[in-house]
């Protein structure tokens, strides 16, 4: 089956959200993003008050195989103005990259299209932040080795920093269960 890479279209929104959620769940099990959360990140990131105003252009590229969206990347091009941080000034960034495990052939095609777009934008450098719009979903975690492999194969270097992010439900940290309002609900459970 052939894979076609093209810009995101609104009709892709449910499939894109599903693809993003596969990757988010690999980092923080049980976390699910809404379609609106994913679409909002394609337009702007209001919670990112420092870097977001520096973004001049955004583009989401998707890879489609047999009408199924199997890979995607969100791109940013930063302004070259003096008020932009020096490491971002004129640069491009892969905000995130997602690719289904059963469609790894689509990853290099998306990355080729990404690099072509970065060339068309004439960016000074290309980075890969890989930040999904969810708690603790930034960088390329160990739980997404296929994404790390795709980036390395495309010529991106090893990570510049390593962080350990730990997340847990607060009640599990105490070892005791304290009943709360959620424990008394019966509808929808």
C-alpha atoms as a PDB file:
ATOM      1  CA  UNK A   1       0.000   0.000   0.000  1.00  0.00           C
ATOM      2  CA  UNK A   2       1.256   3.448  -0.802  1.00  0.00           C
ATOM      3  CA  UNK A   3       1.515   6.290   1.680  1.00  0.00           C
ATOM      4  CA  UNK A   4       0.673   9.876   0.756  1.00  0.00           C
ATOM      5  CA  UNK A   5       1.890  12.828   2.816  1.00  0.00           C
ATOM      6  CA  UNK A   6      -0.156  16.002   2.738  1.00  0.00           C
ATOM      7  CA  UNK A   7      -1.173  18.936   4.941  1.00  0.00           C
ATOM      8  CA  UNK A   8      -3.735  18.270   7.683  1.00  0.00           C
ATOM      9  CA  UNK A   9      -7.366  18.787   6.699  1.00  0.00           C
ATOM     10  CA  UNK A  10     -10.238  19.276   9.121  1.00  0.00           C
ATOM     11  CA  UNK A  11     -11.701  15.897   8.152  1.00  0.00           C
ATOM     12  CA  UNK A  12      -8.547  14.318   9.660  1.00  0.00           C
ATOM     13  CA  UNK A  13      -9.303  15.609  13.147  1.00  0.00           C
ATOM     14  CA  UNK A  14     -10.672  12.387  14.706  1.00  0.00           C
ATOM     15  CA  UNK A  15      -7.959  10.182  13.242  1.00  0.00           C
ATOM     16  CA  UNK A  16      -5.250  12.680  14.196  1.00  0.00           C
ATOM     17  CA  UNK A  17      -6.560  12.800  17.763  1.00  0.00           C
ATOM     18  CA  UNK A  18      -6.563   9.001  17.909  1.00  0.00           C
ATOM     19  CA  UNK A  19      -2.970   8.887  16.659  1.00  0.00           C
ATOM     20  CA  UNK A  20      -1.840  11.500  19.174  1.00  0.00           C
ATOM     21  CA  UNK A  21      -3.670   9.676  21.978  1.00  0.00           C
ATOM     22  CA  UNK A  22      -1.823   6.443  21.159  1.00  0.00           C
ATOM     23  CA  UNK A  23       1.430   8.248  21.824  1.00  0.00           C
ATOM     24  CA  UNK A  24       0.192  10.128  24.899  1.00  0.00           C
ATOM     25  CA  UNK A  25      -1.088   6.864  26.432  1.00  0.00           C
ATOM     26  CA  UNK A  26       2.354   5.331  25.979  1.00  0.00           C
ATOM     27  CA  UNK A  27       3.722   8.088  28.216  1.00  0.00           C
ATOM     28  CA  UNK A  28       0.890   8.527  30.734  1.00  0.00           C
ATOM     29  CA  UNK A  29      -1.554   5.584  30.629  1.00  0.00           C
ATOM     30  CA  UNK A  30      -5.169   6.620  30.940  1.00  0.00           C
ATOM     31  CA  UNK A  31      -4.700  10.183  29.689  1.00  0.00           C
ATOM     32  CA  UNK A  32      -6.864  10.966  26.677  1.00  0.00           C
ATOM     33  CA  UNK A  33      -6.891  14.243  24.791  1.00  0.00           C
ATOM     34  CA  UNK A  34     -10.024  15.662  23.246  1.00  0.00           C
ATOM     35  CA  UNK A  35     -10.238  16.611  19.593  1.00  0.00           C
ATOM     36  CA  UNK A  36     -10.338  20.246  20.724  1.00  0.00           C
ATOM     37  CA  UNK A  37      -7.107  19.899  22.707  1.00  0.00           C
ATOM     38  CA  UNK A  38      -5.300  18.547  19.655  1.00  0.00           C
ATOM     39  CA  UNK A  39      -6.806  21.087  17.254  1.00  0.00           C
ATOM     40  CA  UNK A  40      -6.005  23.942  19.645  1.00  0.00           C
ATOM     41  CA  UNK A  41      -2.330  23.010  19.559  1.00  0.00           C
ATOM     42  CA  UNK A  42      -2.397  23.142  15.761  1.00  0.00           C
ATOM     43  CA  UNK A  43      -3.525  26.790  15.975  1.00  0.00           C
ATOM     44  CA  UNK A  44      -1.726  28.152  19.039  1.00  0.00           C
ATOM     45  CA  UNK A  45      -0.604  27.259  22.534  1.00  0.00           C
ATOM     46  CA  UNK A  46      -1.998  29.868  24.930  1.00  0.00           C
ATOM     47  CA  UNK A  47      -0.400  28.168  27.953  1.00  0.00           C
ATOM     48  CA  UNK A  48       3.027  28.608  26.337  1.00  0.00           C
ATOM     49  CA  UNK A  49       3.351  32.333  27.004  1.00  0.00           C
ATOM     50  CA  UNK A  50       7.047  32.697  26.156  1.00  0.00           C
ATOM     51  CA  UNK A  51       7.695  30.625  23.029  1.00  0.00           C
ATOM     52  CA  UNK A  52       4.253  30.592  21.369  1.00  0.00           C
ATOM     53  CA  UNK A  53       4.294  34.309  20.432  1.00  0.00           C
ATOM     54  CA  UNK A  54       7.552  33.661  18.566  1.00  0.00           C
ATOM     55  CA  UNK A  55       5.875  31.206  16.148  1.00  0.00           C
ATOM     56  CA  UNK A  56       5.396  32.737  12.691  1.00  0.00           C
ATOM     57  CA  UNK A  57       3.950  29.682  10.941  1.00  0.00           C
ATOM     58  CA  UNK A  58       2.483  26.329  11.925  1.00  0.00           C
ATOM     59  CA  UNK A  59       1.815  23.351   9.733  1.00  0.00           C
ATOM     60  CA  UNK A  60       0.617  19.843  10.460  1.00  0.00           C
ATOM     61  CA  UNK A  61       1.567  17.180   7.926  1.00  0.00           C
ATOM     62  CA  UNK A  62      -0.194  13.817   7.864  1.00  0.00           C
ATOM     63  CA  UNK A  63       0.595  10.511   6.202  1.00  0.00           C
ATOM     64  CA  UNK A  64      -2.354   8.544   4.878  1.00  0.00           C
ATOM     65  CA  UNK A  65      -2.317   4.892   3.885  1.00  0.00           C
ATOM     66  CA  UNK A  66      -5.493   3.385   2.452  1.00  0.00           C
ATOM     67  CA  UNK A  67      -7.594   6.257   3.887  1.00  0.00           C
ATOM     68  CA  UNK A  68      -6.136   5.754   7.370  1.00  0.00           C
ATOM     69  CA  UNK A  69      -4.013   8.429   8.979  1.00  0.00           C
ATOM     70  CA  UNK A  70      -0.881   6.576  10.126  1.00  0.00           C
ATOM     71  CA  UNK A  71       1.668   9.308  10.900  1.00  0.00           C
ATOM     72  CA  UNK A  72       1.775  13.049  11.479  1.00  0.00           C
ATOM     73  CA  UNK A  73       4.051  15.909  12.489  1.00  0.00           C
ATOM     74  CA  UNK A  74       3.333  19.385  13.792  1.00  0.00           C
ATOM     75  CA  UNK A  75       5.828  21.990  12.581  1.00  0.00           C
ATOM     76  CA  UNK A  76       6.664  25.467  13.803  1.00  0.00           C
ATOM     77  CA  UNK A  77       8.685  28.178  12.102  1.00  0.00           C
ATOM     78  CA  UNK A  78       9.920  30.863  14.457  1.00  0.00           C
ATOM     79  CA  UNK A  79      10.236  34.529  13.582  1.00  0.00           C
ATOM     80  CA  UNK A  80      13.703  35.948  13.008  1.00  0.00           C
ATOM     81  CA  UNK A  81      13.045  39.136  14.990  1.00  0.00           C
ATOM     82  CA  UNK A  82      15.269  40.430  17.786  1.00  0.00           C
ATOM     83  CA  UNK A  83      12.604  39.758  20.463  1.00  0.00           C
ATOM     84  CA  UNK A  84      12.776  36.013  19.722  1.00  0.00           C
ATOM     85  CA  UNK A  85      15.131  33.965  21.904  1.00  0.00           C
ATOM     86  CA  UNK A  86      18.469  33.500  20.140  1.00  0.00           C
ATOM     87  CA  UNK A  87      18.205  29.703  19.928  1.00  0.00           C
ATOM     88  CA  UNK A  88      14.756  29.967  18.317  1.00  0.00           C
ATOM     89  CA  UNK A  89      15.379  32.964  16.069  1.00  0.00           C
ATOM     90  CA  UNK A  90      14.718  31.905  12.462  1.00  0.00           C
ATOM     91  CA  UNK A  91      14.634  28.214  13.413  1.00  0.00           C
ATOM     92  CA  UNK A  92      12.139  25.486  12.678  1.00  0.00           C
ATOM     93  CA  UNK A  93      10.866  22.863  15.079  1.00  0.00           C
ATOM     94  CA  UNK A  94       9.108  19.546  14.930  1.00  0.00           C
ATOM     95  CA  UNK A  95       6.698  20.228  17.766  1.00  0.00           C
ATOM     96  CA  UNK A  96       5.737  16.555  17.740  1.00  0.00           C
ATOM     97  CA  UNK A  97       5.965  13.465  15.585  1.00  0.00           C
ATOM     98  CA  UNK A  98       3.595  10.510  15.756  1.00  0.00           C
ATOM     99  CA  UNK A  99       3.672   7.270  13.791  1.00  0.00           C
ATOM    100  CA  UNK A 100       1.784   4.011  14.221  1.00  0.00           C
ATOM    101  CA  UNK A 101       3.964   0.989  14.888  1.00  0.00           C
ATOM    102  CA  UNK A 102       2.350  -0.939  12.041  1.00  0.00           C
ATOM    103  CA  UNK A 103       3.121   1.895   9.628  1.00  0.00           C
ATOM    104  CA  UNK A 104       6.766   2.685  10.272  1.00  0.00           C
ATOM    105  CA  UNK A 105       7.330   3.091   6.531  1.00  0.00           C
ATOM    106  CA  UNK A 106       5.297   6.320   6.797  1.00  0.00           C
ATOM    107  CA  UNK A 107       7.638   7.913   9.346  1.00  0.00           C
ATOM    108  CA  UNK A 108      10.546   8.585   6.976  1.00  0.00           C
ATOM    109  CA  UNK A 109       8.124   9.934   4.375  1.00  0.00           C
ATOM    110  CA  UNK A 110       6.692  12.406   6.880  1.00  0.00           C
ATOM    111  CA  UNK A 111      10.177  13.424   7.994  1.00  0.00           C
ATOM    112  CA  UNK A 112      11.261  13.933   4.364  1.00  0.00           C
ATOM    113  CA  UNK A 113       8.237  16.219   3.878  1.00  0.00           C
ATOM    114  CA  UNK A 114       9.077  17.986   7.161  1.00  0.00           C
ATOM    115  CA  UNK A 115      12.635  18.670   6.041  1.00  0.00           C
ATOM    116  CA  UNK A 116      11.419  19.821   2.613  1.00  0.00           C
ATOM    117  CA  UNK A 117       9.057  22.267   4.341  1.00  0.00           C
ATOM    118  CA  UNK A 118      11.821  23.505   6.612  1.00  0.00           C
ATOM    119  CA  UNK A 119      13.926  24.105   3.498  1.00  0.00           C
ATOM    120  CA  UNK A 120      11.079  26.004   1.862  1.00  0.00           C
ATOM    121  CA  UNK A 121      10.764  28.106   5.014  1.00  0.00           C
ATOM    122  CA  UNK A 122      14.539  28.702   4.862  1.00  0.00           C
ATOM    123  CA  UNK A 123      14.979  28.078   8.577  1.00  0.00           C
ATOM    124  CA  UNK A 124      18.407  28.442  10.161  1.00  0.00           C
ATOM    125  CA  UNK A 125      18.165  25.179  12.144  1.00  0.00           C
ATOM    126  CA  UNK A 126      15.677  22.380  12.745  1.00  0.00           C
ATOM    127  CA  UNK A 127      14.963  20.956  16.181  1.00  0.00           C
ATOM    128  CA  UNK A 128      12.634  18.260  17.448  1.00  0.00           C
ATOM    129  CA  UNK A 129      10.931  19.128  20.737  1.00  0.00           C
ATOM    130  CA  UNK A 130       8.183  16.499  20.463  1.00  0.00           C
ATOM    131  CA  UNK A 131       5.678  17.988  22.925  1.00  0.00           C
ATOM    132  CA  UNK A 132       2.129  16.704  22.855  1.00  0.00           C
ATOM    133  CA  UNK A 133      -0.468  18.881  24.624  1.00  0.00           C
ATOM    134  CA  UNK A 134      -0.655  16.653  27.723  1.00  0.00           C
ATOM    135  CA  UNK A 135       0.941  16.428  31.145  1.00  0.00           C
ATOM    136  CA  UNK A 136       4.557  15.169  31.029  1.00  0.00           C
ATOM    137  CA  UNK A 137       4.434  14.526  27.265  1.00  0.00           C
ATOM    138  CA  UNK A 138       7.485  16.353  26.022  1.00  0.00           C
ATOM    139  CA  UNK A 139      10.769  15.232  24.582  1.00  0.00           C
ATOM    140  CA  UNK A 140      11.052  11.701  23.200  1.00  0.00           C
ATOM    141  CA  UNK A 141      10.377   9.314  26.083  1.00  0.00           C
ATOM    142  CA  UNK A 142      11.747   5.790  26.338  1.00  0.00           C
ATOM    143  CA  UNK A 143       8.201   4.517  25.793  1.00  0.00           C
ATOM    144  CA  UNK A 144       8.320   5.788  22.186  1.00  0.00           C
ATOM    145  CA  UNK A 145      11.519   4.179  20.855  1.00  0.00           C
ATOM    146  CA  UNK A 146      10.142   4.100  17.312  1.00  0.00           C
ATOM    147  CA  UNK A 147       9.903   7.907  17.306  1.00  0.00           C
ATOM    148  CA  UNK A 148      13.461   8.212  18.605  1.00  0.00           C
ATOM    149  CA  UNK A 149      14.605   5.778  15.877  1.00  0.00           C
ATOM    150  CA  UNK A 150      12.817   7.726  13.138  1.00  0.00           C
ATOM    151  CA  UNK A 151      14.442  10.975  14.271  1.00  0.00           C
ATOM    152  CA  UNK A 152      17.901   9.409  14.534  1.00  0.00           C
ATOM    153  CA  UNK A 153      17.518   7.826  11.079  1.00  0.00           C
ATOM    154  CA  UNK A 154      16.544  11.250   9.675  1.00  0.00           C
ATOM    155  CA  UNK A 155      19.782  12.745  10.951  1.00  0.00           C
ATOM    156  CA  UNK A 156      18.691  14.273  14.244  1.00  0.00           C
ATOM    157  CA  UNK A 157      21.226  13.845  17.020  1.00  0.00           C
ATOM    158  CA  UNK A 158      20.794  12.195  20.354  1.00  0.00           C
ATOM    159  CA  UNK A 159      18.792  14.107  22.979  1.00  0.00           C
ATOM    160  CA  UNK A 160      20.532  17.162  24.395  1.00  0.00           C
ATOM    161  CA  UNK A 161      19.169  16.535  27.888  1.00  0.00           C
ATOM    162  CA  UNK A 162      17.653  13.696  29.852  1.00  0.00           C
ATOM    163  CA  UNK A 163      14.855  14.085  32.373  1.00  0.00           C
ATOM    164  CA  UNK A 164      13.090  11.569  34.550  1.00  0.00           C
ATOM    165  CA  UNK A 165       9.394  12.321  34.925  1.00  0.00           C
ATOM    166  CA  UNK A 166       7.446  10.444  37.545  1.00  0.00           C
ATOM    167  CA  UNK A 167       3.670  10.608  37.761  1.00  0.00           C
ATOM    168  CA  UNK A 168       1.251   8.863  40.096  1.00  0.00           C
ATOM    169  CA  UNK A 169      -2.215   9.277  41.545  1.00  0.00           C
ATOM    170  CA  UNK A 170      -1.848  11.065  44.870  1.00  0.00           C
ATOM    171  CA  UNK A 171      -3.789   8.408  46.808  1.00  0.00           C
ATOM    172  CA  UNK A 172      -1.425   5.709  45.562  1.00  0.00           C
ATOM    173  CA  UNK A 173       1.502   7.545  47.150  1.00  0.00           C
ATOM    174  CA  UNK A 174       0.068   7.172  50.659  1.00  0.00           C
ATOM    175  CA  UNK A 175      -0.793   3.491  50.329  1.00  0.00           C
ATOM    176  CA  UNK A 176      -4.270   4.205  51.705  1.00  0.00           C
ATOM    177  CA  UNK A 177      -7.480   4.728  49.818  1.00  0.00           C
ATOM    178  CA  UNK A 178      -9.607   7.668  50.859  1.00  0.00           C
ATOM    179  CA  UNK A 179     -13.156   7.460  49.465  1.00  0.00           C
ATOM    180  CA  UNK A 180     -14.194  10.553  47.629  1.00  0.00           C
ATOM    181  CA  UNK A 181     -17.110  11.742  45.513  1.00  0.00           C
ATOM    182  CA  UNK A 182     -15.974   9.641  42.545  1.00  0.00           C
ATOM    183  CA  UNK A 183     -16.337   6.492  44.652  1.00  0.00           C
ATOM    184  CA  UNK A 184     -20.044   7.055  45.185  1.00  0.00           C
ATOM    185  CA  UNK A 185     -20.993   7.452  41.541  1.00  0.00           C
ATOM    186  CA  UNK A 186     -22.663   4.583  39.788  1.00  0.00           C
ATOM    187  CA  UNK A 187     -23.686   6.094  36.464  1.00  0.00           C
ATOM    188  CA  UNK A 188     -21.236   5.567  33.631  1.00  0.00           C
ATOM    189  CA  UNK A 189     -19.043   3.153  35.565  1.00  0.00           C
END
